[in-house]
């Protein structure tokens, strides 16, 4: 079965919109979680959040291949919650 490129793009847009909605509604919770993990990685693994992000991004191609919908949704959530975290990517 062939899936049209426009249908794939529409699905990606829907996933981003879902993520944006969640990110908007849960900004405070997401920012608190990111701050918690930032402190945890610094304290336990002696890794900065930038280093954690760098390592995590090594898995982005796998996530894009295996779970593209979730990746798009998480991207929307993350970018809508970012202003509260002080982290910019």
C-alpha atoms as a PDB file:
ATOM      1  CA  UNK A   1       0.000   0.000   0.000  1.00  0.00           C
ATOM      2  CA  UNK A   2       1.403   3.381  -0.991  1.00  0.00           C
ATOM      3  CA  UNK A   3       0.934   6.301   1.361  1.00  0.00           C
ATOM      4  CA  UNK A   4       1.002   9.733  -0.189  1.00  0.00           C
ATOM      5  CA  UNK A   5       3.667  12.194   0.931  1.00  0.00           C
ATOM      6  CA  UNK A   6       0.986  14.767   1.734  1.00  0.00           C
ATOM      7  CA  UNK A   7      -0.714  12.290   4.040  1.00  0.00           C
ATOM      8  CA  UNK A   8       2.576  11.664   5.862  1.00  0.00           C
ATOM      9  CA  UNK A   9       3.121  15.424   6.203  1.00  0.00           C
ATOM     10  CA  UNK A  10      -0.454  15.858   7.463  1.00  0.00           C
ATOM     11  CA  UNK A  11       0.153  13.177  10.091  1.00  0.00           C
ATOM     12  CA  UNK A  12       3.407  14.845  11.176  1.00  0.00           C
ATOM     13  CA  UNK A  13       1.589  18.178  11.462  1.00  0.00           C
ATOM     14  CA  UNK A  14      -1.109  16.569  13.586  1.00  0.00           C
ATOM     15  CA  UNK A  15       1.545  15.057  15.878  1.00  0.00           C
ATOM     16  CA  UNK A  16       3.279  18.419  16.262  1.00  0.00           C
ATOM     17  CA  UNK A  17      -0.076  20.090  16.996  1.00  0.00           C
ATOM     18  CA  UNK A  18      -0.849  17.479  19.655  1.00  0.00           C
ATOM     19  CA  UNK A  19       2.576  18.042  21.181  1.00  0.00           C
ATOM     20  CA  UNK A  20       2.141  21.812  21.090  1.00  0.00           C
ATOM     21  CA  UNK A  21      -1.210  21.518  22.854  1.00  0.00           C
ATOM     22  CA  UNK A  22       0.273  19.265  25.528  1.00  0.00           C
ATOM     23  CA  UNK A  23       3.322  21.507  25.843  1.00  0.00           C
ATOM     24  CA  UNK A  24       1.118  24.566  26.273  1.00  0.00           C
ATOM     25  CA  UNK A  25      -1.154  22.897  28.817  1.00  0.00           C
ATOM     26  CA  UNK A  26       1.675  21.286  30.805  1.00  0.00           C
ATOM     27  CA  UNK A  27       4.376  23.979  30.540  1.00  0.00           C
ATOM     28  CA  UNK A  28       4.944  24.162  34.260  1.00  0.00           C
ATOM     29  CA  UNK A  29       5.110  20.389  34.747  1.00  0.00           C
ATOM     30  CA  UNK A  30       7.435  19.921  31.772  1.00  0.00           C
ATOM     31  CA  UNK A  31       9.748  22.720  32.857  1.00  0.00           C
ATOM     32  CA  UNK A  32       9.900  21.312  36.397  1.00  0.00           C
ATOM     33  CA  UNK A  33      10.707  17.868  35.033  1.00  0.00           C
ATOM     34  CA  UNK A  34      13.475  19.226  32.820  1.00  0.00           C
ATOM     35  CA  UNK A  35      14.937  21.199  35.728  1.00  0.00           C
ATOM     36  CA  UNK A  36      14.789  18.081  37.942  1.00  0.00           C
ATOM     37  CA  UNK A  37      16.628  15.955  35.380  1.00  0.00           C
ATOM     38  CA  UNK A  38      19.127  18.730  34.704  1.00  0.00           C
ATOM     39  CA  UNK A  39      20.070  18.758  38.412  1.00  0.00           C
ATOM     40  CA  UNK A  40      19.969  14.952  38.614  1.00  0.00           C
ATOM     41  CA  UNK A  41      22.376  14.473  35.694  1.00  0.00           C
ATOM     42  CA  UNK A  42      24.739  17.103  37.069  1.00  0.00           C
ATOM     43  CA  UNK A  43      24.656  15.518  40.527  1.00  0.00           C
ATOM     44  CA  UNK A  44      24.756  11.831  39.682  1.00  0.00           C
ATOM     45  CA  UNK A  45      26.386  11.519  36.270  1.00  0.00           C
ATOM     46  CA  UNK A  46      28.440  14.723  36.415  1.00  0.00           C
ATOM     47  CA  UNK A  47      27.010  15.625  33.012  1.00  0.00           C
ATOM     48  CA  UNK A  48      25.696  19.008  31.940  1.00  0.00           C
ATOM     49  CA  UNK A  49      22.269  19.211  30.351  1.00  0.00           C
ATOM     50  CA  UNK A  50      23.985  20.171  27.091  1.00  0.00           C
ATOM     51  CA  UNK A  51      25.968  16.909  27.199  1.00  0.00           C
ATOM     52  CA  UNK A  52      22.837  14.894  28.023  1.00  0.00           C
ATOM     53  CA  UNK A  53      21.066  16.527  25.091  1.00  0.00           C
ATOM     54  CA  UNK A  54      24.024  15.792  22.809  1.00  0.00           C
ATOM     55  CA  UNK A  55      24.018  12.111  23.795  1.00  0.00           C
ATOM     56  CA  UNK A  56      20.249  11.833  23.470  1.00  0.00           C
ATOM     57  CA  UNK A  57      20.365  13.306  19.982  1.00  0.00           C
ATOM     58  CA  UNK A  58      22.515  10.371  18.879  1.00  0.00           C
ATOM     59  CA  UNK A  59      19.316   8.310  19.151  1.00  0.00           C
ATOM     60  CA  UNK A  60      17.214  10.736  17.112  1.00  0.00           C
ATOM     61  CA  UNK A  61      17.677   8.837  13.814  1.00  0.00           C
ATOM     62  CA  UNK A  62      16.501   5.606  15.474  1.00  0.00           C
ATOM     63  CA  UNK A  63      13.515   7.371  17.011  1.00  0.00           C
ATOM     64  CA  UNK A  64      12.664   9.018  13.685  1.00  0.00           C
ATOM     65  CA  UNK A  65      12.778   5.626  11.960  1.00  0.00           C
ATOM     66  CA  UNK A  66      10.922   3.600  14.614  1.00  0.00           C
ATOM     67  CA  UNK A  67       8.599   6.134  16.290  1.00  0.00           C
ATOM     68  CA  UNK A  68       8.263   9.217  14.085  1.00  0.00           C
ATOM     69  CA  UNK A  69       4.837  10.161  15.475  1.00  0.00           C
ATOM     70  CA  UNK A  70       6.111  10.209  19.054  1.00  0.00           C
ATOM     71  CA  UNK A  71       9.203  12.155  18.067  1.00  0.00           C
ATOM     72  CA  UNK A  72       7.104  14.864  16.386  1.00  0.00           C
ATOM     73  CA  UNK A  73       4.758  15.035  19.358  1.00  0.00           C
ATOM     74  CA  UNK A  74       7.634  15.302  21.854  1.00  0.00           C
ATOM     75  CA  UNK A  75       9.213  18.009  19.729  1.00  0.00           C
ATOM     76  CA  UNK A  76       6.018  20.062  19.883  1.00  0.00           C
ATOM     77  CA  UNK A  77       5.745  19.580  23.651  1.00  0.00           C
ATOM     78  CA  UNK A  78       9.358  20.477  24.262  1.00  0.00           C
ATOM     79  CA  UNK A  79       9.339  23.631  22.162  1.00  0.00           C
ATOM     80  CA  UNK A  80       6.167  24.959  23.771  1.00  0.00           C
ATOM     81  CA  UNK A  81       7.532  24.395  27.286  1.00  0.00           C
ATOM     82  CA  UNK A  82      11.033  25.759  26.570  1.00  0.00           C
ATOM     83  CA  UNK A  83      10.546  29.387  27.618  1.00  0.00           C
ATOM     84  CA  UNK A  84      10.032  28.298  31.238  1.00  0.00           C
ATOM     85  CA  UNK A  85      13.149  26.132  31.368  1.00  0.00           C
ATOM     86  CA  UNK A  86      15.720  28.636  30.169  1.00  0.00           C
ATOM     87  CA  UNK A  87      17.083  25.937  27.842  1.00  0.00           C
ATOM     88  CA  UNK A  88      17.181  26.805  24.165  1.00  0.00           C
ATOM     89  CA  UNK A  89      17.631  24.291  21.341  1.00  0.00           C
END
